């Protein structure tokens, strides 16, 4: 994180990317400006107000395919200084770690803004934990091995990028084993880890609707996709943890 801290202090241009599944994309209940990535961009702009901040949103094709392309740049804030920060949303619904690995060209190398990523946030685990879906489910140990292989390949392609692992958020079907493996992997690699599952678990109320998550989670039969409120609270926590990482680096 020292490299990122120095770039921020110098108001150097910065590219921050979020890679994940449908929660990152914002399915099925968030408009583009309501996803946790969009909310992160808005909060980043407030925190680093000298930066001009732009957002790029990936366009999904289907669960098994790479992105079609990107919408953007969308202006988030003009800023007050010379620095420019691009926030790139790179989520595909239904992505497991293995599926994401197959579309690795989507999020490594030169991105939609013509630059390579400085920071890559990863969020996976919900689909890998779906025991009812044999096309996606893998054991927790296999999940960790798949993740390890993905990180190896990402590092080989973008050795200077700072990688930040985030746990899955929430699902009525437990993702705790997968989240534990992510934390283990982060510790083994010396990578920053943000425990979003702990945030969502602490918010759980057995008397609340929407699988105990109230207004954070969509209703009906949807046990994992956040509402705009849930996305905003998730983004605020990511920004809070990101700032802590910058402080201790």
Protein backbone atom coordinates (compact mmCIF):
# COMPACT_ATOMS: atom_id res chain seq x y z
CA UNK A 1 0.00 0.00 0.00
CA UNK A 2 3.02 2.33 0.29
CA UNK A 3 3.03 2.89 -3.46
CA UNK A 4 -0.66 3.85 -3.41
CA UNK A 5 -0.16 6.18 -0.44
CA UNK A 6 2.66 7.96 -2.26
CA UNK A 7 0.56 8.34 -5.41
CA UNK A 8 -2.31 9.80 -3.43
CA UNK A 9 -0.04 12.22 -1.60
CA UNK A 10 1.43 13.34 -4.92
CA UNK A 11 -2.03 13.53 -6.56
CA UNK A 12 -0.76 11.17 -9.23
CA UNK A 13 -3.29 9.53 -11.52
CA UNK A 14 -4.80 6.37 -10.08
CA UNK A 15 -6.81 3.47 -11.49
CA UNK A 16 -8.86 1.41 -9.03
CA UNK A 17 -10.68 -1.70 -10.20
CA UNK A 18 -13.31 -3.90 -8.58
CA UNK A 19 -13.53 -7.50 -9.81
CA UNK A 20 -16.29 -9.87 -8.75
CA UNK A 21 -19.68 -11.40 -9.40
CA UNK A 22 -23.26 -10.12 -9.48
CA UNK A 23 -22.86 -8.25 -6.19
CA UNK A 24 -20.09 -6.21 -7.78
CA UNK A 25 -22.05 -5.74 -11.00
CA UNK A 26 -25.10 -4.58 -9.05
CA UNK A 27 -27.65 -7.22 -10.04
CA UNK A 28 -30.56 -7.23 -9.61
CA UNK A 29 -31.59 -4.23 -7.60
CA UNK A 30 -29.13 -1.40 -8.16
CA UNK A 31 -29.00 1.11 -10.98
CA UNK A 32 -25.47 1.89 -12.24
CA UNK A 33 -25.14 4.85 -9.87
CA UNK A 34 -26.37 2.76 -6.91
CA UNK A 35 -23.88 -0.13 -6.93
CA UNK A 36 -21.29 -0.41 -4.18
CA UNK A 37 -18.61 0.44 -6.75
CA UNK A 38 -20.42 3.65 -7.74
CA UNK A 39 -20.90 4.54 -4.07
CA UNK A 40 -17.21 3.87 -3.44
CA UNK A 41 -16.37 6.26 -6.27
CA UNK A 42 -18.56 8.98 -4.75
CA UNK A 43 -17.06 8.50 -1.29
CA UNK A 44 -13.54 8.42 -2.71
CA UNK A 45 -14.23 11.75 -4.41
CA UNK A 46 -15.30 13.28 -1.10
CA UNK A 47 -12.29 11.90 0.77
CA UNK A 48 -9.77 12.83 -1.92
CA UNK A 49 -11.45 16.01 -3.08
CA UNK A 50 -8.49 17.20 -5.13
CA UNK A 51 -9.00 14.30 -7.53
CA UNK A 52 -11.19 14.36 -10.60
CA UNK A 53 -13.01 11.04 -10.36
CA UNK A 54 -14.51 9.05 -13.23
CA UNK A 55 -16.31 5.73 -13.31
CA UNK A 56 -16.34 2.96 -15.90
CA UNK A 57 -19.03 0.26 -15.66
CA UNK A 58 -18.59 -3.15 -17.24
CA UNK A 59 -21.34 -4.34 -19.60
CA UNK A 60 -22.34 -7.96 -18.98
CA UNK A 61 -22.95 -10.46 -21.74
CA UNK A 62 -23.87 -13.63 -19.83
CA UNK A 63 -22.60 -15.63 -16.87
CA UNK A 64 -20.07 -17.63 -18.82
CA UNK A 65 -18.66 -14.91 -21.07
CA UNK A 66 -16.28 -11.97 -20.82
CA UNK A 67 -17.70 -8.46 -20.63
CA UNK A 68 -19.08 -6.89 -23.80
CA UNK A 69 -17.29 -3.67 -23.00
CA UNK A 70 -17.66 -0.67 -20.71
CA UNK A 71 -19.91 2.31 -20.22
CA UNK A 72 -18.04 5.47 -19.41
CA UNK A 73 -16.23 7.48 -18.49
CA UNK A 74 -18.94 8.82 -16.20
CA UNK A 75 -17.97 11.94 -14.28
CA UNK A 76 -18.27 11.52 -10.51
CA UNK A 77 -16.46 14.70 -9.41
CA UNK A 78 -14.38 17.37 -11.15
CA UNK A 79 -12.10 17.71 -8.14
CA UNK A 80 -10.01 20.67 -7.08
CA UNK A 81 -6.54 19.62 -8.17
CA UNK A 82 -4.59 17.92 -10.91
CA UNK A 83 -5.04 14.24 -10.03
CA UNK A 84 -7.40 11.92 -11.90
CA UNK A 85 -8.85 8.70 -10.47
CA UNK A 86 -10.68 6.13 -12.57
CA UNK A 87 -12.92 3.64 -10.75
CA UNK A 88 -13.65 0.57 -12.86
CA UNK A 89 -16.47 -1.89 -12.15
CA UNK A 90 -15.69 -5.36 -13.46
CA UNK A 91 -18.34 -7.77 -12.18
CA UNK A 92 -20.11 -10.59 -13.98
CA UNK A 93 -23.15 -12.28 -12.48
CA UNK A 94 -22.60 -15.93 -11.66
CA UNK A 95 -18.82 -15.63 -11.59
CA UNK A 96 -16.92 -18.12 -9.53
CA UNK A 97 -13.18 -17.70 -9.13
CA UNK A 98 -12.65 -20.25 -11.91
CA UNK A 99 -15.02 -18.43 -14.26
CA UNK A 100 -13.35 -15.13 -13.53
CA UNK A 101 -9.98 -16.70 -14.28
CA UNK A 102 -11.23 -17.64 -17.75
CA UNK A 103 -12.00 -13.97 -18.46
CA UNK A 104 -8.80 -12.63 -16.91
CA UNK A 105 -8.17 -10.39 -19.92
CA UNK A 106 -11.18 -8.34 -18.75
CA UNK A 107 -9.35 -7.08 -15.68
CA UNK A 108 -5.60 -7.30 -16.31
CA UNK A 109 -3.34 -5.41 -18.66
CA UNK A 110 -4.59 -2.17 -20.18
CA UNK A 111 -8.13 -1.42 -19.01
CA UNK A 112 -11.04 0.58 -20.44
CA UNK A 113 -9.37 3.87 -19.47
CA UNK A 114 -6.22 2.99 -21.40
CA UNK A 115 -4.19 2.35 -18.24
CA UNK A 116 -3.13 -0.56 -16.10
CA UNK A 117 -4.73 -0.95 -12.66
CA UNK A 118 -2.96 0.43 -9.60
CA UNK A 119 -5.35 -1.25 -7.16
CA UNK A 120 -7.54 -4.31 -7.74
CA UNK A 121 -10.23 -5.23 -5.22
CA UNK A 122 -11.53 -8.81 -5.51
CA UNK A 123 -14.83 -10.11 -4.13
CA UNK A 124 -15.74 -13.77 -4.68
CA UNK A 125 -17.24 -16.68 -2.78
CA UNK A 126 -21.03 -16.62 -3.07
CA UNK A 127 -21.27 -18.63 -6.28
CA UNK A 128 -18.44 -20.98 -5.31
CA UNK A 129 -20.46 -21.87 -2.17
CA UNK A 130 -23.70 -22.74 -3.96
CA UNK A 131 -23.96 -26.45 -3.23
CA UNK A 132 -27.28 -26.61 -5.10
CA UNK A 133 -25.53 -25.60 -8.34
CA UNK A 134 -22.96 -28.22 -9.39
CA UNK A 135 -21.80 -25.99 -12.27
CA UNK A 136 -20.51 -23.46 -9.73
CA UNK A 137 -19.90 -25.18 -6.42
CA UNK A 138 -16.44 -26.25 -5.34
CA UNK A 139 -15.25 -27.34 -1.92
CA UNK A 140 -13.71 -24.63 0.27
CA UNK A 141 -10.24 -26.09 -0.26
CA UNK A 142 -10.71 -26.20 -4.04
CA UNK A 143 -12.00 -22.64 -3.89
CA UNK A 144 -8.82 -21.54 -2.13
CA UNK A 145 -6.65 -23.34 -4.68
CA UNK A 146 -8.56 -21.76 -7.57
CA UNK A 147 -8.16 -18.34 -5.95
CA UNK A 148 -4.45 -18.93 -5.44
CA UNK A 149 -4.06 -19.76 -9.13
CA UNK A 150 -6.00 -16.67 -10.15
CA UNK A 151 -3.84 -14.41 -7.99
CA UNK A 152 -0.68 -15.99 -9.38
CA UNK A 153 -1.82 -15.21 -12.91
CA UNK A 154 -2.95 -11.68 -12.06
CA UNK A 155 0.41 -10.96 -10.41
CA UNK A 156 2.26 -12.36 -13.41
CA UNK A 157 0.37 -9.96 -15.68
CA UNK A 158 0.26 -6.94 -13.34
CA UNK A 159 3.13 -7.30 -10.91
CA UNK A 160 2.94 -3.68 -9.69
CA UNK A 161 -0.79 -3.67 -8.94
CA UNK A 162 -1.84 -3.71 -5.30
CA UNK A 163 -4.28 -6.59 -4.77
CA UNK A 164 -6.90 -6.36 -2.01
CA UNK A 165 -9.02 -9.38 -1.12
CA UNK A 166 -12.53 -8.85 0.18
CA UNK A 167 -14.75 -11.56 1.59
CA UNK A 168 -18.17 -12.25 0.14
CA UNK A 169 -20.91 -10.14 1.68
CA UNK A 170 -23.88 -12.34 2.58
CA UNK A 171 -26.04 -15.21 1.44
CA UNK A 172 -28.70 -17.14 3.28
CA UNK A 173 -26.66 -20.20 2.31
CA UNK A 174 -23.49 -20.00 4.37
CA UNK A 175 -20.36 -18.62 2.72
CA UNK A 176 -18.37 -18.60 5.96
CA UNK A 177 -16.01 -21.42 4.92
CA UNK A 178 -15.14 -19.65 1.69
CA UNK A 179 -14.61 -16.38 3.56
CA UNK A 180 -12.25 -18.13 5.99
CA UNK A 181 -10.21 -19.44 3.05
CA UNK A 182 -9.97 -15.94 1.58
CA UNK A 183 -8.66 -14.60 4.87
CA UNK A 184 -6.13 -17.45 5.04
CA UNK A 185 -4.98 -16.76 1.51
CA UNK A 186 -4.58 -13.04 2.18
CA UNK A 187 -2.46 -13.81 5.26
CA UNK A 188 -0.33 -16.30 3.35
CA UNK A 189 0.30 -13.81 0.54
CA UNK A 190 0.65 -10.76 2.75
CA UNK A 191 -2.28 -9.11 1.00
CA UNK A 192 -4.75 -6.67 2.55
CA UNK A 193 -8.06 -8.26 3.56
CA UNK A 194 -11.43 -6.58 4.06
CA UNK A 195 -14.00 -8.68 5.93
CA UNK A 196 -17.33 -7.68 4.40
CA UNK A 197 -18.94 -10.89 5.62
CA UNK A 198 -18.32 -9.77 9.20
CA UNK A 199 -20.01 -6.45 8.42
CA UNK A 200 -23.09 -8.16 7.03
CA UNK A 201 -23.15 -10.79 9.77
CA UNK A 202 -23.03 -8.12 12.45
CA UNK A 203 -26.00 -6.44 10.79
CA UNK A 204 -28.04 -9.66 10.88
CA UNK A 205 -31.29 -9.46 12.87
CA UNK A 206 -33.31 -12.68 13.10
CA UNK A 207 -36.49 -10.62 13.49
CA UNK A 208 -35.86 -8.52 10.37
CA UNK A 209 -37.31 -9.31 6.99
CA UNK A 210 -35.25 -10.13 3.89
CA UNK A 211 -33.32 -13.04 5.42
CA UNK A 212 -32.53 -11.03 8.54
CA UNK A 213 -30.91 -8.16 6.65
CA UNK A 214 -33.84 -5.76 6.47
CA UNK A 215 -33.36 -2.89 4.02
CA UNK A 216 -29.83 -3.98 3.14
CA UNK A 217 -31.00 -7.02 1.20
CA UNK A 218 -33.55 -7.47 -1.56
CA UNK A 219 -36.78 -9.22 -0.63
CA UNK A 220 -38.63 -12.21 -1.99
CA UNK A 221 -36.42 -15.18 -2.70
CA UNK A 222 -33.22 -13.17 -3.21
CA UNK A 223 -30.85 -13.98 -0.36
CA UNK A 224 -27.64 -12.35 -1.57
CA UNK A 225 -28.12 -9.21 -3.67
CA UNK A 226 -27.97 -5.89 -1.83
CA UNK A 227 -30.39 -3.04 -2.21
CA UNK A 228 -28.97 0.44 -2.86
CA UNK A 229 -28.91 0.90 0.93
CA UNK A 230 -26.91 -2.29 1.40
CA UNK A 231 -24.57 -1.30 -1.41
CA UNK A 232 -23.99 2.12 0.13
CA UNK A 233 -23.23 0.68 3.57
CA UNK A 234 -20.87 -1.84 1.99
CA UNK A 235 -19.07 0.91 0.07
CA UNK A 236 -18.71 3.03 3.19
CA UNK A 237 -17.07 0.12 4.99
CA UNK A 238 -14.69 -0.52 2.09
CA UNK A 239 -13.63 3.14 2.07
CA UNK A 240 -13.16 3.08 5.84
CA UNK A 241 -10.96 -0.01 5.64
CA UNK A 242 -9.09 1.33 2.62
CA UNK A 243 -8.20 4.48 4.54
CA UNK A 244 -6.94 2.35 7.44
CA UNK A 245 -4.73 0.38 5.08
CA UNK A 246 -3.25 3.60 3.72
CA UNK A 247 -2.51 4.79 7.26
CA UNK A 248 -0.65 1.66 8.35
CA UNK A 249 1.26 1.15 5.11
